[in-house]
Amino acid sequence: QLRGSLSTPINNSQEPTVLTRMAPVAMVSWTPFPLAHDIAALTHNHPQACLAAGATATLLQKLLVGESLQDAVEAAWRKTEQAGGRGIAEAMEQALQAADDGEPTIARCLEILGEPTATSALALAVFATASTSDPMGAMTAVVQTGGPASRLGALTGQISGALHGPALPDALVDALEARRAVITVAEDLYRHFSGVPFALSEDEWDRYPG
């Protein structure tokens, strides 16, 4: 069986990769928590991983419509708490509070990350984003913790990007693998789900057959 759910689990995974898939969910729904939760369950069947995915999508969606990080985190932890994820909500709240104490040093990032799970990865990304106005600095700090560095950097980059907008060096963006495809999909998602009237082009039918 290649596809799981919480009722028919195929594993007990709660590793952080699941969170990096939630950005598109945040772009296609005004209430992304349940959709993100169910998508996460296809590959990660620990309940905490699915709840953390819902929290991530909610956080990103709020940031994308212009809410502050504080308000977006509060919206995410309210949804998560209502769904039974009090531990995740508390981790996010504590991450925000820790950010008041200064820059995201490697030692502080390691302390927040602890054992890398979806919950601790989300807390770390919130902490790093909240503790500096420099998205590149936030990503640099989290990837230097080692472990699932690429997933931590990607998640932090998503949250920082949703908050601050494009803020990465051109050389880094230009080196992105499949950059054109990523940009095309992002632009298509915005056109299709922003609420602005649009007409499907022939190119879009070719890109997304069926």
C-alpha atoms as a PDB file:
ATOM      1  CA  GLN A   1       0.000   0.000   0.000  1.00  0.00           C
ATOM      2  CA  LEU A   2       1.527   3.300  -1.117  1.00  0.00           C
ATOM      3  CA  ARG A   3      -1.039   5.664   0.326  1.00  0.00           C
ATOM      4  CA  GLY A   4      -1.867   6.001   3.987  1.00  0.00           C
ATOM      5  CA  SER A   5      -4.433   7.667   6.228  1.00  0.00           C
ATOM      6  CA  LEU A   6      -4.864   7.966   9.972  1.00  0.00           C
ATOM      7  CA  SER A   7      -7.456   5.187   9.851  1.00  0.00           C
ATOM      8  CA  THR A   8      -5.262   2.914   7.687  1.00  0.00           C
ATOM      9  CA  PRO A   9      -1.683   3.911   8.580  1.00  0.00           C
ATOM     10  CA  ILE A  10       1.312   2.744   6.618  1.00  0.00           C
ATOM     11  CA  ASN A  11       3.861   4.145   9.078  1.00  0.00           C
ATOM     12  CA  ASN A  12       4.208   6.196  12.251  1.00  0.00           C
ATOM     13  CA  SER A  13       6.316   8.937  10.705  1.00  0.00           C
ATOM     14  CA  GLN A  14       6.436  12.484  12.014  1.00  0.00           C
ATOM     15  CA  GLU A  15       9.625  13.651  10.299  1.00  0.00           C
ATOM     16  CA  PRO A  16       9.683  17.225   8.937  1.00  0.00           C
ATOM     17  CA  THR A  17       9.532  16.606   5.170  1.00  0.00           C
ATOM     18  CA  VAL A  18       5.739  16.612   5.297  1.00  0.00           C
ATOM     19  CA  LEU A  19       5.656  20.330   6.175  1.00  0.00           C
ATOM     20  CA  THR A  20       7.500  21.448   3.057  1.00  0.00           C
ATOM     21  CA  ARG A  21       4.566  20.288   0.908  1.00  0.00           C
ATOM     22  CA  MET A  22       2.045  22.597   2.558  1.00  0.00           C
ATOM     23  CA  ALA A  23       2.742  25.870   0.720  1.00  0.00           C
ATOM     24  CA  PRO A  24       0.506  24.990  -2.268  1.00  0.00           C
ATOM     25  CA  VAL A  25      -2.297  24.066   0.130  1.00  0.00           C
ATOM     26  CA  ALA A  26      -2.029  27.516   1.707  1.00  0.00           C
ATOM     27  CA  MET A  27      -2.474  29.048  -1.752  1.00  0.00           C
ATOM     28  CA  VAL A  28      -5.591  27.124  -2.806  1.00  0.00           C
ATOM     29  CA  SER A  29      -7.842  27.362   0.253  1.00  0.00           C
ATOM     30  CA  TRP A  30      -9.074  30.030   2.642  1.00  0.00           C
ATOM     31  CA  THR A  31      -9.399  27.312   5.297  1.00  0.00           C
ATOM     32  CA  PRO A  32      -6.427  25.043   4.547  1.00  0.00           C
ATOM     33  CA  PHE A  33      -6.115  23.176   7.860  1.00  0.00           C
ATOM     34  CA  PRO A  34      -8.289  20.104   7.062  1.00  0.00           C
ATOM     35  CA  LEU A  35      -6.948  19.747   3.527  1.00  0.00           C
ATOM     36  CA  ALA A  36      -3.328  19.973   4.705  1.00  0.00           C
ATOM     37  CA  HIS A  37      -4.065  17.492   7.495  1.00  0.00           C
ATOM     38  CA  ASP A  38      -5.488  14.944   5.050  1.00  0.00           C
ATOM     39  CA  ILE A  39      -2.722  15.410   2.465  1.00  0.00           C
ATOM     40  CA  ALA A  40      -0.083  14.911   5.152  1.00  0.00           C
ATOM     41  CA  ALA A  41      -1.735  11.643   6.181  1.00  0.00           C
ATOM     42  CA  LEU A  42      -1.047  10.161   2.744  1.00  0.00           C
ATOM     43  CA  THR A  43       2.628   9.759   3.694  1.00  0.00           C
ATOM     44  CA  HIS A  44       2.973  10.584   7.422  1.00  0.00           C
ATOM     45  CA  ASN A  45       0.655   8.730   9.746  1.00  0.00           C
ATOM     46  CA  HIS A  46       1.662  10.080  13.132  1.00  0.00           C
ATOM     47  CA  PRO A  47      -1.231  12.332  14.268  1.00  0.00           C
ATOM     48  CA  GLN A  48       1.179  15.071  15.344  1.00  0.00           C
ATOM     49  CA  ALA A  49       2.685  15.283  11.844  1.00  0.00           C
ATOM     50  CA  CYS A  50      -0.763  15.789  10.314  1.00  0.00           C
ATOM     51  CA  LEU A  51      -1.684  18.443  12.869  1.00  0.00           C
ATOM     52  CA  ALA A  52       1.628  20.236  12.320  1.00  0.00           C
ATOM     53  CA  ALA A  53       0.932  20.201   8.579  1.00  0.00           C
ATOM     54  CA  GLY A  54      -2.435  21.831   9.165  1.00  0.00           C
ATOM     55  CA  ALA A  55      -0.794  24.436  11.376  1.00  0.00           C
ATOM     56  CA  THR A  56       1.847  25.158   8.723  1.00  0.00           C
ATOM     57  CA  ALA A  57      -0.705  25.650   5.951  1.00  0.00           C
ATOM     58  CA  THR A  58      -2.802  27.923   8.159  1.00  0.00           C
ATOM     59  CA  LEU A  59       0.238  29.990   9.140  1.00  0.00           C
ATOM     60  CA  LEU A  60       1.337  30.403   5.525  1.00  0.00           C
ATOM     61  CA  GLN A  61      -2.155  31.275   4.305  1.00  0.00           C
ATOM     62  CA  LYS A  62      -2.502  34.033   6.911  1.00  0.00           C
ATOM     63  CA  LEU A  63       0.899  35.467   6.012  1.00  0.00           C
ATOM     64  CA  LEU A  64       0.093  35.414   2.298  1.00  0.00           C
ATOM     65  CA  VAL A  65      -2.976  37.598   2.844  1.00  0.00           C
ATOM     66  CA  GLY A  66      -0.899  40.128   4.779  1.00  0.00           C
ATOM     67  CA  GLU A  67      -1.330  39.253   8.444  1.00  0.00           C
ATOM     68  CA  SER A  68       1.541  39.811  10.862  1.00  0.00           C
ATOM     69  CA  LEU A  69       3.624  36.862  12.021  1.00  0.00           C
ATOM     70  CA  GLN A  70       2.170  37.171  15.530  1.00  0.00           C
ATOM     71  CA  ASP A  71      -1.425  37.091  14.253  1.00  0.00           C
ATOM     72  CA  ALA A  72      -0.690  34.296  11.768  1.00  0.00           C
ATOM     73  CA  VAL A  73       0.925  32.126  14.434  1.00  0.00           C
ATOM     74  CA  GLU A  74      -1.976  32.762  16.808  1.00  0.00           C
ATOM     75  CA  ALA A  75      -4.474  31.754  14.094  1.00  0.00           C
ATOM     76  CA  ALA A  76      -2.488  28.592  13.421  1.00  0.00           C
ATOM     77  CA  TRP A  77      -2.210  27.576  17.039  1.00  0.00           C
ATOM     78  CA  ARG A  78      -5.937  28.202  17.653  1.00  0.00           C
ATOM     79  CA  LYS A  79      -6.818  25.877  14.771  1.00  0.00           C
ATOM     80  CA  THR A  80      -4.311  23.305  15.963  1.00  0.00           C
ATOM     81  CA  GLU A  81      -5.518  23.428  19.547  1.00  0.00           C
ATOM     82  CA  GLN A  82      -9.125  23.000  18.422  1.00  0.00           C
ATOM     83  CA  ALA A  83      -8.067  19.908  16.478  1.00  0.00           C
ATOM     84  CA  GLY A  84      -6.367  18.374  19.517  1.00  0.00           C
ATOM     85  CA  GLY A  85      -2.816  19.538  18.939  1.00  0.00           C
ATOM     86  CA  ARG A  86      -2.206  21.475  22.125  1.00  0.00           C
ATOM     87  CA  GLY A  87       1.464  20.444  22.222  1.00  0.00           C
ATOM     88  CA  ILE A  88       2.056  21.907  18.760  1.00  0.00           C
ATOM     89  CA  ALA A  89       0.263  25.120  19.686  1.00  0.00           C
ATOM     90  CA  GLU A  90       2.410  25.452  22.806  1.00  0.00           C
ATOM     91  CA  ALA A  91       5.608  24.814  20.815  1.00  0.00           C
ATOM     92  CA  MET A  92       4.707  27.603  18.377  1.00  0.00           C
ATOM     93  CA  GLU A  93       3.862  29.995  21.192  1.00  0.00           C
ATOM     94  CA  GLN A  94       7.114  29.231  22.997  1.00  0.00           C
ATOM     95  CA  ALA A  95       9.051  29.751  19.759  1.00  0.00           C
ATOM     96  CA  LEU A  96       7.596  33.242  19.396  1.00  0.00           C
ATOM     97  CA  GLN A  97       8.480  34.059  22.983  1.00  0.00           C
ATOM     98  CA  ALA A  98      12.043  32.753  22.533  1.00  0.00           C
ATOM     99  CA  ALA A  99      12.496  35.022  19.524  1.00  0.00           C
ATOM    100  CA  ASP A 100      12.239  38.057  21.808  1.00  0.00           C
ATOM    101  CA  ASP A 101      15.622  37.132  23.292  1.00  0.00           C
ATOM    102  CA  GLY A 102      17.681  37.848  20.180  1.00  0.00           C
ATOM    103  CA  GLU A 103      19.228  36.432  17.016  1.00  0.00           C
ATOM    104  CA  PRO A 104      18.854  32.758  15.983  1.00  0.00           C
ATOM    105  CA  THR A 105      22.260  31.377  16.916  1.00  0.00           C
ATOM    106  CA  ILE A 106      23.047  27.752  16.123  1.00  0.00           C
ATOM    107  CA  ALA A 107      22.966  26.853  19.818  1.00  0.00           C
ATOM    108  CA  ARG A 108      19.508  28.371  20.268  1.00  0.00           C
ATOM    109  CA  CYS A 109      18.235  26.698  17.111  1.00  0.00           C
ATOM    110  CA  LEU A 110      19.489  23.312  18.304  1.00  0.00           C
ATOM    111  CA  GLU A 111      17.801  23.833  21.658  1.00  0.00           C
ATOM    112  CA  ILE A 112      14.438  24.514  20.013  1.00  0.00           C
ATOM    113  CA  LEU A 113      14.776  21.741  17.427  1.00  0.00           C
ATOM    114  CA  GLY A 114      15.719  18.968  19.839  1.00  0.00           C
ATOM    115  CA  GLU A 115      14.751  15.676  18.231  1.00  0.00           C
ATOM    116  CA  PRO A 116      13.756  16.659  14.680  1.00  0.00           C
ATOM    117  CA  THR A 117      10.022  16.115  14.220  1.00  0.00           C
ATOM    118  CA  ALA A 118       7.358  17.970  12.289  1.00  0.00           C
ATOM    119  CA  THR A 119       6.389  19.800  15.477  1.00  0.00           C
ATOM    120  CA  SER A 120       9.904  20.886  16.423  1.00  0.00           C
ATOM    121  CA  ALA A 121      10.723  21.835  12.811  1.00  0.00           C
ATOM    122  CA  LEU A 122       7.702  24.138  12.695  1.00  0.00           C
ATOM    123  CA  ALA A 123       8.662  25.666  16.036  1.00  0.00           C
ATOM    124  CA  LEU A 124      12.216  26.228  14.809  1.00  0.00           C
ATOM    125  CA  ALA A 125      11.047  27.884  11.581  1.00  0.00           C
ATOM    126  CA  VAL A 126       8.743  30.197  13.526  1.00  0.00           C
ATOM    127  CA  PHE A 127      11.535  31.047  15.947  1.00  0.00           C
ATOM    128  CA  ALA A 128      14.082  31.772  13.230  1.00  0.00           C
ATOM    129  CA  THR A 129      11.661  33.898  11.220  1.00  0.00           C
ATOM    130  CA  ALA A 130      10.510  35.865  14.254  1.00  0.00           C
ATOM    131  CA  SER A 131      13.976  36.516  15.650  1.00  0.00           C
ATOM    132  CA  THR A 132      15.447  38.264  12.581  1.00  0.00           C
ATOM    133  CA  SER A 133      14.174  40.447   9.744  1.00  0.00           C
ATOM    134  CA  ASP A 134      16.717  38.836   7.414  1.00  0.00           C
ATOM    135  CA  PRO A 135      15.243  35.742   5.690  1.00  0.00           C
ATOM    136  CA  MET A 136      18.680  34.619   4.508  1.00  0.00           C
ATOM    137  CA  GLY A 137      19.990  34.856   8.062  1.00  0.00           C
ATOM    138  CA  ALA A 138      17.064  32.814   9.341  1.00  0.00           C
ATOM    139  CA  MET A 139      17.614  30.057   6.778  1.00  0.00           C
ATOM    140  CA  THR A 140      21.361  30.024   7.327  1.00  0.00           C
ATOM    141  CA  ALA A 141      20.885  29.529  11.056  1.00  0.00           C
ATOM    142  CA  VAL A 142      18.481  26.610  10.745  1.00  0.00           C
ATOM    143  CA  VAL A 143      20.418  24.680   8.092  1.00  0.00           C
ATOM    144  CA  GLN A 144      23.539  24.842  10.242  1.00  0.00           C
ATOM    145  CA  THR A 145      21.819  22.690  12.850  1.00  0.00           C
ATOM    146  CA  GLY A 146      22.447  19.661  10.617  1.00  0.00           C
ATOM    147  CA  GLY A 147      19.997  16.777  10.570  1.00  0.00           C
ATOM    148  CA  PRO A 148      17.148  17.408   8.108  1.00  0.00           C
ATOM    149  CA  ALA A 149      18.814  20.689   7.111  1.00  0.00           C
ATOM    150  CA  SER A 150      17.285  20.958   3.646  1.00  0.00           C
ATOM    151  CA  ARG A 151      13.738  20.550   5.006  1.00  0.00           C
ATOM    152  CA  LEU A 152      14.363  23.010   7.829  1.00  0.00           C
ATOM    153  CA  GLY A 153      15.754  25.561   5.392  1.00  0.00           C
ATOM    154  CA  ALA A 154      12.887  25.074   2.951  1.00  0.00           C
ATOM    155  CA  LEU A 155      10.242  25.481   5.645  1.00  0.00           C
ATOM    156  CA  THR A 156      11.915  28.555   7.110  1.00  0.00           C
ATOM    157  CA  GLY A 157      12.265  29.996   3.617  1.00  0.00           C
ATOM    158  CA  GLN A 158       8.549  29.488   2.956  1.00  0.00           C
ATOM    159  CA  ILE A 159       7.515  31.236   6.156  1.00  0.00           C
ATOM    160  CA  SER A 160      10.044  34.063   5.777  1.00  0.00           C
ATOM    161  CA  GLY A 161       9.119  34.495   2.128  1.00  0.00           C
ATOM    162  CA  ALA A 162       5.399  34.643   2.875  1.00  0.00           C
ATOM    163  CA  LEU A 163       6.110  37.261   5.542  1.00  0.00           C
ATOM    164  CA  HIS A 164       8.702  39.448   3.838  1.00  0.00           C
ATOM    165  CA  GLY A 165       8.196  38.774   0.131  1.00  0.00           C
ATOM    166  CA  PRO A 166      11.091  38.111  -2.270  1.00  0.00           C
ATOM    167  CA  ALA A 167      14.224  38.699  -0.232  1.00  0.00           C
ATOM    168  CA  LEU A 168      16.773  36.138  -1.392  1.00  0.00           C
ATOM    169  CA  PRO A 169      19.944  36.917  -3.343  1.00  0.00           C
ATOM    170  CA  ASP A 170      19.404  36.633  -7.108  1.00  0.00           C
ATOM    171  CA  ALA A 171      22.287  34.171  -7.413  1.00  0.00           C
ATOM    172  CA  LEU A 172      20.601  31.786  -4.977  1.00  0.00           C
ATOM    173  CA  VAL A 173      17.213  32.046  -6.680  1.00  0.00           C
ATOM    174  CA  ASP A 174      18.724  31.613 -10.145  1.00  0.00           C
ATOM    175  CA  ALA A 175      20.398  28.377  -9.025  1.00  0.00           C
ATOM    176  CA  LEU A 176      17.098  26.830  -7.894  1.00  0.00           C
ATOM    177  CA  GLU A 177      16.522  23.447  -9.479  1.00  0.00           C
ATOM    178  CA  ALA A 178      13.496  23.505 -11.835  1.00  0.00           C
ATOM    179  CA  ARG A 179      13.152  27.222 -11.114  1.00  0.00           C
ATOM    180  CA  ARG A 180      10.973  27.954 -14.151  1.00  0.00           C
ATOM    181  CA  ALA A 181       8.598  25.109 -13.338  1.00  0.00           C
ATOM    182  CA  VAL A 182       8.276  26.243  -9.706  1.00  0.00           C
ATOM    183  CA  ILE A 183       7.500  29.817 -10.742  1.00  0.00           C
ATOM    184  CA  THR A 184       4.989  28.677 -13.367  1.00  0.00           C
ATOM    185  CA  VAL A 185       3.082  26.492 -10.922  1.00  0.00           C
ATOM    186  CA  ALA A 186       3.063  29.248  -8.295  1.00  0.00           C
ATOM    187  CA  GLU A 187       1.741  31.789 -10.794  1.00  0.00           C
ATOM    188  CA  ASP A 188      -0.918  29.341 -11.981  1.00  0.00           C
ATOM    189  CA  LEU A 189      -2.028  28.639  -8.428  1.00  0.00           C
ATOM    190  CA  TYR A 190      -2.376  32.351  -7.771  1.00  0.00           C
ATOM    191  CA  ARG A 191      -4.360  32.930 -10.964  1.00  0.00           C
ATOM    192  CA  HIS A 192      -6.707  30.043 -10.325  1.00  0.00           C
ATOM    193  CA  PHE A 193      -7.358  30.589  -6.632  1.00  0.00           C
ATOM    194  CA  SER A 194      -6.935  34.319  -5.941  1.00  0.00           C
ATOM    195  CA  GLY A 195     -10.545  35.075  -6.801  1.00  0.00           C
ATOM    196  CA  VAL A 196      -9.601  37.241  -9.791  1.00  0.00           C
ATOM    197  CA  PRO A 197     -11.492  36.230 -12.989  1.00  0.00           C
ATOM    198  CA  PHE A 198      -9.316  34.383 -15.507  1.00  0.00           C
ATOM    199  CA  ALA A 199      -9.580  32.368 -18.695  1.00  0.00           C
ATOM    200  CA  LEU A 200      -7.796  29.040 -19.132  1.00  0.00           C
ATOM    201  CA  SER A 201      -5.101  29.163 -21.775  1.00  0.00           C
ATOM    202  CA  GLU A 202      -4.155  26.374 -24.160  1.00  0.00           C
ATOM    203  CA  ASP A 203      -0.785  26.166 -22.419  1.00  0.00           C
ATOM    204  CA  GLU A 204      -2.500  25.455 -19.109  1.00  0.00           C
ATOM    205  CA  TRP A 205      -4.523  22.613 -20.622  1.00  0.00           C
ATOM    206  CA  ASP A 206      -1.241  21.177 -21.872  1.00  0.00           C
ATOM    207  CA  ARG A 207       0.459  21.584 -18.478  1.00  0.00           C
ATOM    208  CA  TYR A 208      -2.392  20.025 -16.500  1.00  0.00           C
ATOM    209  CA  PRO A 209      -4.157  17.487 -18.740  1.00  0.00           C
ATOM    210  CA  GLY A 210      -7.355  15.980 -17.438  1.00  0.00           C
END
